[in-house]
């Protein structure tokens, strides 16, 4: 299938982990937060078994369509998912920190399935 694309980035927030979790759990708000998310059906949110359907327009001249299936959730700590569609692979969100500071780490390791899209990516 080709070389995996790995994304591993962390962000720090001046709020506690529980407060950050409450914001991230508002999955219906994702399209408002991220303009590149052209279509988003949140499913049942951040619960095991939920599947979000996504259409993303990156800064390249094509559209990515994929689903994100929630496999494991530890509230205010971890969300593990499987991505399938135009891109495939595991993704996870890790929350850490204590007191009034939190860190969110997002890790994706996905492969582009379509040969034409692989060339463009």
N, C-alpha and C. Protein backbone atom coordinates (compact mmCIF):
# COMPACT_ATOMS: atom_id res chain seq x y z
N UNK A 1 0.81 -1.20 0.00
CA UNK A 1 0.00 0.00 0.00
C UNK A 1 0.85 1.26 0.00
N UNK A 2 2.09 1.17 0.31
CA UNK A 2 2.92 2.36 0.32
C UNK A 2 3.39 2.71 1.71
N UNK A 3 4.12 3.79 1.79
CA UNK A 3 4.67 4.25 3.06
C UNK A 3 3.58 4.89 3.92
N UNK A 4 3.55 4.57 5.21
CA UNK A 4 2.56 5.22 6.08
C UNK A 4 2.91 6.69 6.30
N UNK A 5 1.86 7.48 6.47
CA UNK A 5 2.01 8.88 6.86
C UNK A 5 1.85 8.92 8.37
N UNK A 6 2.84 9.44 9.04
CA UNK A 6 2.79 9.51 10.50
C UNK A 6 2.64 10.96 10.94
N UNK A 7 1.66 11.19 11.79
CA UNK A 7 1.41 12.50 12.36
C UNK A 7 1.48 12.33 13.87
N UNK A 8 2.33 13.06 14.53
CA UNK A 8 2.47 12.97 15.98
C UNK A 8 2.70 14.39 16.50
N UNK A 9 1.67 14.95 17.07
CA UNK A 9 1.76 16.33 17.51
C UNK A 9 1.09 16.48 18.88
N UNK A 10 1.64 17.38 19.67
CA UNK A 10 1.09 17.66 21.00
C UNK A 10 0.75 19.14 21.14
N UNK A 11 -0.27 19.41 21.93
CA UNK A 11 -0.69 20.78 22.23
C UNK A 11 -0.85 20.90 23.74
N UNK A 12 -0.51 22.06 24.26
CA UNK A 12 -0.67 22.33 25.70
C UNK A 12 -1.81 23.31 25.90
N UNK A 13 -2.54 23.10 26.98
CA UNK A 13 -3.70 23.93 27.29
C UNK A 13 -3.64 24.39 28.74
N UNK A 14 -4.15 25.58 28.97
CA UNK A 14 -4.19 26.15 30.32
C UNK A 14 -5.52 25.82 30.99
N UNK A 15 -5.93 24.58 30.86
CA UNK A 15 -7.11 24.06 31.54
C UNK A 15 -6.78 22.65 32.01
N UNK A 16 -7.53 22.17 32.96
CA UNK A 16 -7.31 20.81 33.44
C UNK A 16 -7.76 19.77 32.41
N UNK A 17 -7.29 18.58 32.61
CA UNK A 17 -7.60 17.47 31.70
C UNK A 17 -9.10 17.20 31.59
N UNK A 18 -9.80 17.23 32.71
CA UNK A 18 -11.26 16.99 32.70
C UNK A 18 -11.98 18.06 31.89
N UNK A 19 -11.58 19.32 32.07
CA UNK A 19 -12.21 20.41 31.31
C UNK A 19 -11.93 20.27 29.82
N UNK A 20 -10.71 19.90 29.48
CA UNK A 20 -10.36 19.68 28.08
C UNK A 20 -11.19 18.55 27.49
N UNK A 21 -11.35 17.47 28.24
CA UNK A 21 -12.15 16.34 27.78
C UNK A 21 -13.59 16.77 27.48
N UNK A 22 -14.17 17.58 28.34
CA UNK A 22 -15.54 18.03 28.12
C UNK A 22 -15.68 18.81 26.82
N UNK A 23 -14.67 19.58 26.48
CA UNK A 23 -14.69 20.33 25.21
C UNK A 23 -14.53 19.37 24.04
N UNK A 24 -13.55 18.47 24.11
CA UNK A 24 -13.30 17.53 23.01
C UNK A 24 -14.47 16.58 22.78
N UNK A 25 -15.23 16.30 23.81
CA UNK A 25 -16.37 15.40 23.69
C UNK A 25 -17.52 16.03 22.90
N UNK A 26 -17.45 17.33 22.63
CA UNK A 26 -18.50 18.00 21.85
C UNK A 26 -18.20 17.81 20.36
N UNK A 27 -18.24 16.58 19.92
CA UNK A 27 -17.84 16.24 18.54
C UNK A 27 -18.71 16.92 17.49
N UNK A 28 -19.93 17.28 17.83
CA UNK A 28 -20.79 17.97 16.86
C UNK A 28 -20.24 19.36 16.51
N UNK A 29 -19.33 19.88 17.30
CA UNK A 29 -18.73 21.20 17.04
C UNK A 29 -17.48 21.13 16.16
N UNK A 30 -16.98 19.95 15.88
CA UNK A 30 -15.72 19.81 15.13
C UNK A 30 -15.70 20.60 13.82
N UNK A 31 -16.75 20.56 12.98
CA UNK A 31 -16.69 21.31 11.71
C UNK A 31 -16.53 22.82 11.91
N UNK A 32 -17.04 23.34 12.99
CA UNK A 32 -16.90 24.77 13.27
C UNK A 32 -15.46 25.11 13.68
N UNK A 33 -14.80 24.18 14.35
CA UNK A 33 -13.44 24.40 14.81
C UNK A 33 -12.41 24.25 13.70
N UNK A 34 -12.65 23.29 12.81
CA UNK A 34 -11.67 22.95 11.78
C UNK A 34 -12.29 23.14 10.40
N UNK A 35 -11.93 24.22 9.73
CA UNK A 35 -12.55 24.58 8.45
C UNK A 35 -12.25 23.59 7.34
N UNK A 36 -11.18 22.84 7.43
CA UNK A 36 -10.85 21.84 6.41
C UNK A 36 -11.75 20.61 6.50
N UNK A 37 -12.53 20.50 7.58
CA UNK A 37 -13.47 19.39 7.75
C UNK A 37 -14.77 19.76 7.04
N UNK A 38 -14.90 19.33 5.79
CA UNK A 38 -16.03 19.75 4.94
C UNK A 38 -17.34 19.10 5.34
N UNK A 39 -17.29 17.85 5.76
CA UNK A 39 -18.49 17.15 6.21
C UNK A 39 -18.09 16.26 7.38
N UNK A 40 -18.94 16.23 8.38
CA UNK A 40 -18.63 15.43 9.56
C UNK A 40 -19.93 14.96 10.19
N UNK A 41 -20.09 13.66 10.24
CA UNK A 41 -21.21 13.05 10.96
C UNK A 41 -20.61 12.38 12.18
N UNK A 42 -20.91 12.90 13.35
CA UNK A 42 -20.21 12.51 14.58
C UNK A 42 -20.57 11.14 15.11
N UNK A 43 -21.55 10.47 14.56
CA UNK A 43 -21.97 9.21 15.15
C UNK A 43 -22.47 9.45 16.56
N UNK A 44 -22.06 8.60 17.49
CA UNK A 44 -22.47 8.74 18.89
C UNK A 44 -21.42 9.46 19.73
N UNK A 45 -20.44 10.08 19.08
CA UNK A 45 -19.42 10.81 19.82
C UNK A 45 -18.27 9.93 20.26
N UNK A 46 -17.65 10.28 21.37
CA UNK A 46 -16.46 9.58 21.85
C UNK A 46 -16.84 8.41 22.76
N UNK A 47 -17.54 7.43 22.16
CA UNK A 47 -17.90 6.21 22.87
C UNK A 47 -17.52 5.02 22.00
N UNK A 48 -17.16 3.92 22.64
CA UNK A 48 -16.77 2.71 21.92
C UNK A 48 -17.89 2.28 20.99
N UNK A 49 -17.53 1.97 19.75
CA UNK A 49 -18.50 1.53 18.75
C UNK A 49 -19.01 2.65 17.86
N UNK A 50 -18.80 3.88 18.24
CA UNK A 50 -19.23 5.01 17.43
C UNK A 50 -18.35 5.12 16.18
N UNK A 51 -18.96 5.51 15.07
CA UNK A 51 -18.22 5.72 13.82
C UNK A 51 -18.54 7.11 13.30
N UNK A 52 -17.52 7.93 13.15
CA UNK A 52 -17.67 9.27 12.57
C UNK A 52 -17.34 9.19 11.09
N UNK A 53 -18.15 9.83 10.27
CA UNK A 53 -17.90 9.88 8.82
C UNK A 53 -17.36 11.26 8.49
N UNK A 54 -16.23 11.29 7.77
CA UNK A 54 -15.52 12.55 7.54
C UNK A 54 -15.24 12.78 6.06
N UNK A 55 -15.34 14.03 5.66
CA UNK A 55 -14.87 14.48 4.35
C UNK A 55 -13.95 15.66 4.63
N UNK A 56 -12.69 15.53 4.20
CA UNK A 56 -11.67 16.54 4.47
C UNK A 56 -11.14 17.09 3.16
N UNK A 57 -11.01 18.41 3.10
CA UNK A 57 -10.36 19.03 1.95
C UNK A 57 -9.04 19.61 2.44
N UNK A 58 -7.94 18.85 2.19
CA UNK A 58 -6.62 19.38 2.57
C UNK A 58 -6.19 20.48 1.60
N UNK A 59 -5.03 21.07 1.81
CA UNK A 59 -4.60 22.14 0.91
C UNK A 59 -4.19 21.66 -0.48
N UNK A 60 -4.43 20.41 -0.78
CA UNK A 60 -4.15 19.86 -2.12
C UNK A 60 -5.46 19.75 -2.88
N UNK A 61 -5.42 19.61 -4.21
CA UNK A 61 -6.66 19.61 -5.00
C UNK A 61 -7.39 18.26 -5.02
N UNK A 62 -7.67 17.70 -3.88
CA UNK A 62 -8.49 16.51 -3.81
C UNK A 62 -9.18 16.47 -2.45
N UNK A 63 -10.13 15.56 -2.34
CA UNK A 63 -10.91 15.42 -1.11
C UNK A 63 -10.65 14.03 -0.55
N UNK A 64 -10.52 13.92 0.76
CA UNK A 64 -10.37 12.64 1.43
C UNK A 64 -11.68 12.28 2.13
N UNK A 65 -12.10 11.05 1.94
CA UNK A 65 -13.29 10.54 2.63
C UNK A 65 -12.86 9.36 3.48
N UNK A 66 -13.23 9.39 4.76
CA UNK A 66 -12.85 8.29 5.63
C UNK A 66 -13.77 8.24 6.84
N UNK A 67 -13.78 7.08 7.48
CA UNK A 67 -14.52 6.87 8.72
C UNK A 67 -13.52 6.72 9.86
N UNK A 68 -13.93 7.14 11.04
CA UNK A 68 -13.12 6.98 12.24
C UNK A 68 -13.96 6.18 13.23
N UNK A 69 -13.55 4.92 13.48
CA UNK A 69 -14.28 4.04 14.39
C UNK A 69 -13.61 4.06 15.76
N UNK A 70 -14.37 4.39 16.78
CA UNK A 70 -13.84 4.45 18.14
C UNK A 70 -13.75 3.03 18.69
N UNK A 71 -12.53 2.62 19.07
CA UNK A 71 -12.27 1.27 19.56
C UNK A 71 -12.14 1.19 21.08
N UNK A 72 -11.58 2.24 21.67
CA UNK A 72 -11.34 2.24 23.12
C UNK A 72 -11.39 3.67 23.63
N UNK A 73 -12.02 3.84 24.79
CA UNK A 73 -12.11 5.17 25.41
C UNK A 73 -11.82 5.05 26.91
N UNK A 74 -10.92 5.87 27.37
CA UNK A 74 -10.70 6.08 28.80
C UNK A 74 -10.97 7.57 29.00
N UNK A 75 -12.14 7.94 29.53
CA UNK A 75 -12.50 9.35 29.62
C UNK A 75 -11.40 10.21 30.24
N UNK A 76 -11.17 11.35 29.62
CA UNK A 76 -10.16 12.33 30.04
C UNK A 76 -8.74 11.80 29.97
N UNK A 77 -8.53 10.68 29.23
CA UNK A 77 -7.17 10.12 29.13
C UNK A 77 -6.83 9.60 27.73
N UNK A 78 -7.74 8.87 27.08
CA UNK A 78 -7.36 8.17 25.85
C UNK A 78 -8.56 7.88 24.96
N UNK A 79 -8.36 8.06 23.65
CA UNK A 79 -9.32 7.59 22.65
C UNK A 79 -8.49 6.89 21.57
N UNK A 80 -8.76 5.60 21.34
CA UNK A 80 -8.09 4.85 20.29
C UNK A 80 -9.10 4.57 19.19
N UNK A 81 -8.68 4.77 17.95
CA UNK A 81 -9.58 4.62 16.81
C UNK A 81 -8.91 3.86 15.68
N UNK A 82 -9.74 3.44 14.73
CA UNK A 82 -9.27 2.88 13.47
C UNK A 82 -9.86 3.71 12.35
N UNK A 83 -9.01 4.16 11.44
CA UNK A 83 -9.42 4.98 10.31
C UNK A 83 -9.52 4.09 9.08
N UNK A 84 -10.61 4.25 8.30
CA UNK A 84 -10.75 3.46 7.07
C UNK A 84 -11.40 4.33 6.00
N UNK A 85 -11.04 4.06 4.76
CA UNK A 85 -11.55 4.83 3.63
C UNK A 85 -10.40 5.20 2.72
N UNK A 86 -10.33 6.46 2.29
CA UNK A 86 -9.21 6.91 1.45
C UNK A 86 -7.88 6.83 2.19
N UNK A 87 -7.92 6.90 3.50
CA UNK A 87 -6.75 6.65 4.33
C UNK A 87 -7.12 5.57 5.34
N UNK A 88 -6.12 4.78 5.76
CA UNK A 88 -6.38 3.67 6.67
C UNK A 88 -5.28 3.55 7.70
N UNK A 89 -5.67 3.19 8.91
CA UNK A 89 -4.69 2.92 9.95
C UNK A 89 -5.19 3.34 11.32
N UNK A 90 -4.35 3.16 12.32
CA UNK A 90 -4.73 3.53 13.69
C UNK A 90 -4.50 5.01 13.97
N UNK A 91 -5.28 5.53 14.90
CA UNK A 91 -5.10 6.89 15.39
C UNK A 91 -5.49 6.91 16.86
N UNK A 92 -4.83 7.75 17.62
CA UNK A 92 -5.18 7.84 19.04
C UNK A 92 -4.98 9.27 19.55
N UNK A 93 -5.76 9.60 20.54
CA UNK A 93 -5.66 10.87 21.25
C UNK A 93 -5.35 10.55 22.70
N UNK A 94 -4.26 11.12 23.20
CA UNK A 94 -3.86 10.91 24.59
C UNK A 94 -3.94 12.25 25.32
N UNK A 95 -4.57 12.25 26.49
CA UNK A 95 -4.62 13.44 27.33
C UNK A 95 -3.81 13.18 28.59
N UNK A 96 -3.00 14.16 28.97
CA UNK A 96 -2.21 14.03 30.19
C UNK A 96 -2.19 15.38 30.90
N UNK A 97 -1.58 15.38 32.07
CA UNK A 97 -1.49 16.61 32.84
C UNK A 97 -2.27 16.51 34.13
N UNK A 98 -2.08 17.50 34.96
CA UNK A 98 -2.83 17.56 36.20
C UNK A 98 -3.02 19.01 36.60
N UNK A 99 -3.86 19.21 37.57
CA UNK A 99 -4.15 20.58 37.98
C UNK A 99 -4.81 21.37 36.87
N UNK A 100 -4.31 22.57 36.62
CA UNK A 100 -4.94 23.44 35.64
C UNK A 100 -4.19 23.47 34.31
N UNK A 101 -3.45 22.42 34.02
CA UNK A 101 -2.75 22.31 32.74
C UNK A 101 -2.95 20.92 32.17
N UNK A 102 -3.13 20.88 30.85
CA UNK A 102 -3.32 19.59 30.18
C UNK A 102 -2.54 19.59 28.87
N UNK A 103 -2.23 18.40 28.43
CA UNK A 103 -1.58 18.22 27.13
C UNK A 103 -2.38 17.20 26.34
N UNK A 104 -2.60 17.50 25.07
CA UNK A 104 -3.27 16.57 24.16
C UNK A 104 -2.26 16.15 23.11
N UNK A 105 -2.12 14.85 22.91
CA UNK A 105 -1.22 14.32 21.89
C UNK A 105 -2.06 13.51 20.91
N UNK A 106 -1.95 13.86 19.64
CA UNK A 106 -2.68 13.16 18.58
C UNK A 106 -1.66 12.42 17.72
N UNK A 107 -1.86 11.11 17.56
CA UNK A 107 -0.96 10.28 16.77
C UNK A 107 -1.78 9.53 15.72
N UNK A 108 -1.42 9.73 14.46
CA UNK A 108 -2.02 8.99 13.35
C UNK A 108 -0.89 8.25 12.65
N UNK A 109 -1.14 7.05 12.18
CA UNK A 109 -0.22 6.36 11.29
C UNK A 109 -1.07 5.70 10.22
N UNK A 110 -1.31 6.44 9.16
CA UNK A 110 -2.25 6.01 8.13
C UNK A 110 -1.55 5.88 6.78
N UNK A 111 -2.15 5.07 5.93
CA UNK A 111 -1.68 4.91 4.56
C UNK A 111 -2.77 5.39 3.62
N UNK A 112 -2.35 6.02 2.55
CA UNK A 112 -3.28 6.46 1.51
C UNK A 112 -3.56 5.27 0.62
N UNK A 113 -4.83 4.94 0.41
CA UNK A 113 -5.20 3.74 -0.34
C UNK A 113 -5.19 3.95 -1.85
N UNK A 114 -5.70 5.06 -2.31
CA UNK A 114 -5.83 5.31 -3.75
C UNK A 114 -4.46 5.63 -4.36
N UNK A 115 -4.04 4.89 -5.41
CA UNK A 115 -2.72 5.15 -6.01
C UNK A 115 -2.55 6.59 -6.50
N UNK A 116 -3.59 7.17 -7.07
CA UNK A 116 -3.51 8.55 -7.55
C UNK A 116 -3.30 9.52 -6.38
N UNK A 117 -4.03 9.30 -5.31
CA UNK A 117 -3.86 10.15 -4.12
C UNK A 117 -2.48 9.96 -3.50
N UNK A 118 -1.96 8.72 -3.53
CA UNK A 118 -0.62 8.47 -2.99
C UNK A 118 0.42 9.29 -3.73
N UNK A 119 0.26 9.40 -5.04
CA UNK A 119 1.19 10.18 -5.85
C UNK A 119 1.12 11.65 -5.47
N UNK A 120 -0.09 12.17 -5.23
CA UNK A 120 -0.27 13.58 -4.91
C UNK A 120 0.18 13.90 -3.49
N UNK A 121 0.09 12.92 -2.60
CA UNK A 121 0.42 13.16 -1.19
C UNK A 121 1.86 13.19 -0.97
